[in-house]
N, C-alpha and C. Protein backbone atom coordinates (compact mmCIF):
# COMPACT_ATOMS: atom_id res chain seq x y z
N UNK A 1 -19.75 48.40 16.11
CA UNK A 1 -18.66 47.48 16.37
C UNK A 1 -18.95 46.71 17.65
N UNK A 2 -18.86 45.42 17.56
CA UNK A 2 -19.13 44.57 18.72
C UNK A 2 -17.86 44.38 19.54
N UNK A 3 -18.04 44.30 20.83
CA UNK A 3 -16.90 44.06 21.71
C UNK A 3 -16.53 42.58 21.69
N UNK A 4 -15.36 42.28 22.20
CA UNK A 4 -14.92 40.88 22.25
C UNK A 4 -15.81 40.06 23.15
N UNK A 5 -16.34 40.69 24.19
CA UNK A 5 -17.24 39.98 25.11
C UNK A 5 -18.54 39.61 24.41
N UNK A 6 -19.08 40.52 23.61
CA UNK A 6 -20.32 40.24 22.89
C UNK A 6 -20.11 39.17 21.82
N UNK A 7 -18.96 39.20 21.17
CA UNK A 7 -18.66 38.19 20.15
C UNK A 7 -18.50 36.82 20.79
N UNK A 8 -17.82 36.76 21.93
CA UNK A 8 -17.64 35.46 22.58
C UNK A 8 -18.97 34.95 23.13
N UNK A 9 -19.84 35.85 23.59
CA UNK A 9 -21.16 35.43 24.05
C UNK A 9 -21.99 34.90 22.88
N UNK A 10 -21.93 35.58 21.74
CA UNK A 10 -22.65 35.15 20.54
C UNK A 10 -22.12 33.79 20.09
N UNK A 11 -20.81 33.63 20.11
CA UNK A 11 -20.20 32.37 19.68
C UNK A 11 -20.61 31.23 20.61
N UNK A 12 -20.57 31.48 21.92
CA UNK A 12 -20.92 30.43 22.89
C UNK A 12 -22.38 30.01 22.78
N UNK A 13 -23.28 30.98 22.70
CA UNK A 13 -24.70 30.63 22.62
C UNK A 13 -25.04 29.93 21.31
N UNK A 14 -24.41 30.35 20.21
CA UNK A 14 -24.65 29.68 18.94
C UNK A 14 -24.09 28.26 18.95
N UNK A 15 -22.92 28.09 19.55
CA UNK A 15 -22.34 26.75 19.66
C UNK A 15 -23.21 25.84 20.51
N UNK A 16 -23.76 26.36 21.57
CA UNK A 16 -24.63 25.56 22.44
C UNK A 16 -25.88 25.14 21.68
N UNK A 17 -26.44 26.07 20.91
CA UNK A 17 -27.66 25.75 20.14
C UNK A 17 -27.40 24.59 19.18
N UNK A 18 -26.33 24.67 18.41
CA UNK A 18 -26.05 23.62 17.43
C UNK A 18 -25.49 22.37 18.11
N UNK A 19 -24.80 22.54 19.22
CA UNK A 19 -24.23 21.40 19.92
C UNK A 19 -25.26 20.49 20.57
N UNK A 20 -26.42 21.03 20.89
CA UNK A 20 -27.45 20.19 21.49
C UNK A 20 -27.95 19.13 20.53
N UNK A 21 -27.78 19.37 19.23
CA UNK A 21 -28.18 18.37 18.24
C UNK A 21 -27.32 17.12 18.34
N UNK A 22 -26.13 17.24 18.89
CA UNK A 22 -25.25 16.09 19.03
C UNK A 22 -25.58 15.24 20.25
N UNK A 23 -26.17 15.85 21.26
CA UNK A 23 -26.38 15.13 22.51
C UNK A 23 -27.46 14.07 22.42
N UNK A 24 -28.62 14.45 21.96
CA UNK A 24 -29.71 13.49 21.84
C UNK A 24 -30.85 14.13 21.08
N UNK A 25 -31.87 13.36 20.85
CA UNK A 25 -33.06 13.88 20.17
C UNK A 25 -34.23 13.98 21.14
N UNK A 26 -33.93 14.09 22.41
CA UNK A 26 -34.98 14.17 23.41
C UNK A 26 -35.48 15.61 23.54
N UNK A 27 -36.52 15.77 24.31
CA UNK A 27 -37.09 17.09 24.52
C UNK A 27 -36.16 18.00 25.31
N UNK A 28 -35.28 17.41 26.11
CA UNK A 28 -34.35 18.21 26.89
C UNK A 28 -33.38 18.95 25.97
N UNK A 29 -32.91 18.28 24.93
CA UNK A 29 -31.98 18.93 24.02
C UNK A 29 -32.68 19.93 23.11
N UNK A 30 -33.98 19.85 23.00
CA UNK A 30 -34.74 20.85 22.24
C UNK A 30 -35.02 22.06 23.11
N UNK A 31 -35.13 21.86 24.40
CA UNK A 31 -35.45 22.96 25.31
C UNK A 31 -34.33 23.99 25.37
N UNK A 32 -33.09 23.55 25.23
CA UNK A 32 -31.97 24.49 25.35
C UNK A 32 -32.00 25.54 24.23
N UNK A 33 -32.07 25.14 22.93
CA UNK A 33 -32.16 26.19 21.91
C UNK A 33 -33.45 27.01 22.01
N UNK A 34 -34.52 26.39 22.48
CA UNK A 34 -35.78 27.11 22.64
C UNK A 34 -35.64 28.20 23.71
N UNK A 35 -35.00 27.87 24.81
CA UNK A 35 -34.78 28.86 25.87
C UNK A 35 -33.86 29.97 25.38
N UNK A 36 -32.79 29.58 24.67
CA UNK A 36 -31.86 30.58 24.15
C UNK A 36 -32.58 31.49 23.16
N UNK A 37 -33.47 30.93 22.36
CA UNK A 37 -34.21 31.74 21.40
C UNK A 37 -35.04 32.82 22.10
N UNK A 38 -35.70 32.46 23.19
CA UNK A 38 -36.56 33.41 23.88
C UNK A 38 -35.79 34.37 24.78
N UNK A 39 -34.64 33.97 25.27
CA UNK A 39 -33.89 34.80 26.21
C UNK A 39 -32.93 35.76 25.51
N UNK A 40 -32.32 35.33 24.44
CA UNK A 40 -31.30 36.13 23.77
C UNK A 40 -31.92 37.31 23.02
N UNK A 41 -31.16 38.40 22.99
CA UNK A 41 -31.59 39.56 22.23
C UNK A 41 -30.76 39.75 20.96
N UNK A 42 -29.83 38.85 20.71
CA UNK A 42 -28.96 38.92 19.54
C UNK A 42 -29.66 38.23 18.36
N UNK A 43 -29.73 38.92 17.24
CA UNK A 43 -30.45 38.36 16.08
C UNK A 43 -29.75 37.14 15.49
N UNK A 44 -28.42 37.11 15.50
CA UNK A 44 -27.70 35.96 14.95
C UNK A 44 -27.90 34.73 15.83
N UNK A 45 -27.88 34.93 17.13
CA UNK A 45 -28.11 33.82 18.06
C UNK A 45 -29.53 33.29 17.91
N UNK A 46 -30.49 34.19 17.75
CA UNK A 46 -31.88 33.75 17.54
C UNK A 46 -32.03 32.93 16.27
N UNK A 47 -31.39 33.36 15.19
CA UNK A 47 -31.45 32.61 13.93
C UNK A 47 -30.77 31.26 14.05
N UNK A 48 -29.64 31.20 14.75
CA UNK A 48 -28.97 29.92 14.96
C UNK A 48 -29.84 28.99 15.82
N UNK A 49 -30.52 29.55 16.81
CA UNK A 49 -31.40 28.74 17.65
C UNK A 49 -32.58 28.21 16.83
N UNK A 50 -33.14 29.06 15.96
CA UNK A 50 -34.23 28.60 15.09
C UNK A 50 -33.76 27.50 14.15
N UNK A 51 -32.57 27.65 13.62
CA UNK A 51 -32.04 26.65 12.70
C UNK A 51 -31.80 25.32 13.43
N UNK A 52 -31.30 25.39 14.66
CA UNK A 52 -31.09 24.17 15.44
C UNK A 52 -32.43 23.50 15.76
N UNK A 53 -33.44 24.29 16.08
CA UNK A 53 -34.77 23.73 16.34
C UNK A 53 -35.37 23.10 15.09
N UNK A 54 -35.19 23.75 13.95
CA UNK A 54 -35.66 23.17 12.70
C UNK A 54 -34.96 21.85 12.40
N UNK A 55 -33.67 21.77 12.69
CA UNK A 55 -32.94 20.52 12.47
C UNK A 55 -33.49 19.41 13.36
N UNK A 56 -33.77 19.74 14.63
CA UNK A 56 -34.38 18.76 15.54
C UNK A 56 -35.71 18.26 14.98
N UNK A 57 -36.56 19.16 14.59
CA UNK A 57 -37.88 18.77 14.07
C UNK A 57 -37.75 17.90 12.83
N UNK A 58 -36.83 18.25 11.94
CA UNK A 58 -36.64 17.47 10.73
C UNK A 58 -36.11 16.08 11.04
N UNK A 59 -35.20 15.97 11.99
CA UNK A 59 -34.67 14.64 12.35
C UNK A 59 -35.77 13.77 12.95
N UNK A 60 -36.68 14.38 13.71
CA UNK A 60 -37.81 13.61 14.24
C UNK A 60 -38.71 13.11 13.12
N UNK A 61 -39.00 13.99 12.17
CA UNK A 61 -39.86 13.60 11.05
C UNK A 61 -39.19 12.53 10.21
N UNK A 62 -37.91 12.74 9.88
CA UNK A 62 -37.18 11.74 9.08
C UNK A 62 -37.07 10.42 9.83
N UNK A 63 -36.86 10.47 11.14
CA UNK A 63 -36.79 9.25 11.93
C UNK A 63 -38.12 8.51 11.94
N UNK A 64 -39.21 9.26 12.02
CA UNK A 64 -40.54 8.64 11.98
C UNK A 64 -40.78 7.98 10.62
N UNK A 65 -40.40 8.67 9.56
CA UNK A 65 -40.58 8.10 8.21
C UNK A 65 -39.74 6.85 8.03
N UNK A 66 -38.50 6.90 8.46
CA UNK A 66 -37.62 5.73 8.34
C UNK A 66 -38.13 4.60 9.24
N UNK A 67 -38.67 4.95 10.40
CA UNK A 67 -39.24 3.93 11.28
C UNK A 67 -40.42 3.23 10.63
N UNK A 68 -41.29 3.99 9.98
CA UNK A 68 -42.42 3.40 9.26
C UNK A 68 -41.93 2.53 8.12
N UNK A 69 -40.93 3.02 7.39
CA UNK A 69 -40.39 2.24 6.28
C UNK A 69 -39.67 0.96 6.75
N UNK A 70 -39.25 0.95 8.00
CA UNK A 70 -38.59 -0.25 8.52
C UNK A 70 -39.54 -1.44 8.59
N UNK A 71 -40.83 -1.14 8.74
CA UNK A 71 -41.79 -2.23 8.75
C UNK A 71 -41.94 -2.86 7.38
N UNK A 72 -41.57 -2.12 6.34
CA UNK A 72 -41.63 -2.63 4.98
C UNK A 72 -40.28 -3.24 4.59
N UNK A 73 -39.34 -3.21 5.52
CA UNK A 73 -37.99 -3.75 5.37
C UNK A 73 -37.08 -2.92 4.46
N UNK A 74 -37.55 -1.80 3.95
CA UNK A 74 -36.68 -0.95 3.17
C UNK A 74 -36.06 0.14 4.05
N UNK A 75 -36.65 0.42 5.19
CA UNK A 75 -36.18 1.48 6.08
C UNK A 75 -34.85 1.19 6.73
N UNK A 76 -34.51 -0.08 6.86
CA UNK A 76 -33.24 -0.43 7.47
C UNK A 76 -32.06 0.08 6.67
N UNK A 77 -32.26 0.34 5.40
CA UNK A 77 -31.20 0.88 4.56
C UNK A 77 -30.93 2.35 4.87
N UNK A 78 -31.93 3.06 5.40
CA UNK A 78 -31.82 4.49 5.62
C UNK A 78 -31.35 4.87 7.03
N UNK A 79 -31.39 3.95 8.00
CA UNK A 79 -30.96 4.28 9.36
C UNK A 79 -29.52 4.75 9.42
N UNK A 80 -28.57 4.06 8.75
CA UNK A 80 -27.19 4.56 8.82
C UNK A 80 -27.02 5.96 8.23
N UNK A 81 -27.75 6.25 7.17
CA UNK A 81 -27.68 7.58 6.57
C UNK A 81 -28.23 8.62 7.53
N UNK A 82 -29.33 8.32 8.16
CA UNK A 82 -29.95 9.25 9.09
C UNK A 82 -29.05 9.49 10.30
N UNK A 83 -28.41 8.45 10.78
CA UNK A 83 -27.50 8.59 11.93
C UNK A 83 -26.29 9.42 11.54
N UNK A 84 -25.72 9.18 10.37
CA UNK A 84 -24.58 9.98 9.92
C UNK A 84 -24.95 11.45 9.75
N UNK A 85 -26.10 11.71 9.17
CA UNK A 85 -26.55 13.10 8.98
C UNK A 85 -26.74 13.78 10.33
N UNK A 86 -27.30 13.06 11.30
CA UNK A 86 -27.55 13.66 12.60
C UNK A 86 -26.28 13.89 13.40
N UNK A 87 -25.17 13.32 12.95
CA UNK A 87 -23.87 13.56 13.61
C UNK A 87 -23.04 14.56 12.82
N UNK A 88 -22.97 14.40 11.52
CA UNK A 88 -22.07 15.23 10.70
C UNK A 88 -22.56 16.67 10.60
N UNK A 89 -23.83 16.89 10.34
CA UNK A 89 -24.32 18.26 10.16
C UNK A 89 -24.17 19.12 11.42
N UNK A 90 -24.49 18.62 12.62
CA UNK A 90 -24.24 19.47 13.81
C UNK A 90 -22.76 19.76 14.03
N UNK A 91 -21.89 18.81 13.68
CA UNK A 91 -20.45 19.08 13.80
C UNK A 91 -20.04 20.18 12.83
N UNK A 92 -20.54 20.10 11.60
CA UNK A 92 -20.26 21.17 10.63
C UNK A 92 -20.81 22.50 11.12
N UNK A 93 -21.98 22.49 11.72
CA UNK A 93 -22.58 23.73 12.21
C UNK A 93 -21.75 24.33 13.33
N UNK A 94 -21.28 23.52 14.26
CA UNK A 94 -20.48 24.06 15.36
C UNK A 94 -19.14 24.59 14.86
N UNK A 95 -18.52 23.90 13.92
CA UNK A 95 -17.25 24.39 13.37
C UNK A 95 -17.45 25.70 12.62
N UNK A 96 -18.49 25.76 11.80
CA UNK A 96 -18.77 26.98 11.04
C UNK A 96 -19.11 28.14 11.97
N UNK A 97 -19.86 27.88 13.01
CA UNK A 97 -20.23 28.93 13.96
C UNK A 97 -19.01 29.40 14.74
N UNK A 98 -18.11 28.47 15.04
CA UNK A 98 -16.89 28.84 15.76
C UNK A 98 -15.98 29.70 14.89
N UNK A 99 -15.88 29.36 13.60
CA UNK A 99 -15.02 30.12 12.69
C UNK A 99 -15.59 31.50 12.38
N UNK A 100 -16.89 31.58 12.18
CA UNK A 100 -17.52 32.84 11.80
C UNK A 100 -18.78 33.05 12.65
N UNK A 101 -18.63 33.67 13.82
CA UNK A 101 -19.79 33.83 14.71
C UNK A 101 -20.81 34.85 14.22
N UNK A 102 -20.46 35.62 13.18
CA UNK A 102 -21.39 36.63 12.69
C UNK A 102 -22.38 36.10 11.65
N UNK A 103 -22.21 34.85 11.24
CA UNK A 103 -23.12 34.29 10.24
C UNK A 103 -23.97 33.18 10.85
N UNK A 104 -25.06 32.91 10.20
CA UNK A 104 -25.98 31.86 10.63
C UNK A 104 -25.72 30.63 9.78
N UNK A 105 -25.56 29.48 10.43
CA UNK A 105 -25.37 28.24 9.68
C UNK A 105 -26.73 27.72 9.24
N UNK A 106 -26.85 27.43 7.97
CA UNK A 106 -28.08 26.87 7.41
C UNK A 106 -27.86 25.40 7.10
N UNK A 107 -28.63 24.55 7.76
CA UNK A 107 -28.54 23.12 7.49
C UNK A 107 -29.10 22.82 6.11
N UNK A 108 -28.38 22.01 5.33
CA UNK A 108 -28.93 21.63 4.03
C UNK A 108 -29.97 20.52 4.18
N UNK A 109 -30.85 20.41 3.23
CA UNK A 109 -31.84 19.33 3.12
C UNK A 109 -32.86 19.31 4.25
N UNK A 110 -33.16 20.45 4.85
CA UNK A 110 -34.20 20.46 5.88
C UNK A 110 -35.30 21.45 5.48
N UNK A 111 -36.47 21.22 6.04
CA UNK A 111 -37.58 22.13 5.85
C UNK A 111 -37.58 23.10 7.03
N UNK A 112 -37.68 24.36 6.74
CA UNK A 112 -37.64 25.37 7.79
C UNK A 112 -39.08 25.68 8.22
N UNK A 113 -39.49 25.08 9.32
CA UNK A 113 -40.83 25.23 9.84
C UNK A 113 -40.94 26.52 10.65
N UNK A 114 -39.92 26.81 11.41
CA UNK A 114 -39.92 28.00 12.29
C UNK A 114 -39.29 29.19 11.59
């Protein structure tokens, strides 16, 4: 049985991991879940950090692909979709993590590299 302090710590660290996806796609926002992954000893927090890192990597790959397609003039159609996905999915992840801190949020439509 976990104490309330351990549950609130798990909830906070998981929220921070998924919340960094909302701030930016820079290396600074990737460093936070990476640090949490290496520092935390909680398995749920580690899985949430890995999932947040996978989401970052996928958004970079999708952004690169859409950027290349923009030169062909078809990529401009996909930028709004990519921006919406990069906002909506992290919000869903933070809400789900807040409601149920014992589960790991799995982002749909991403490749799990880590």
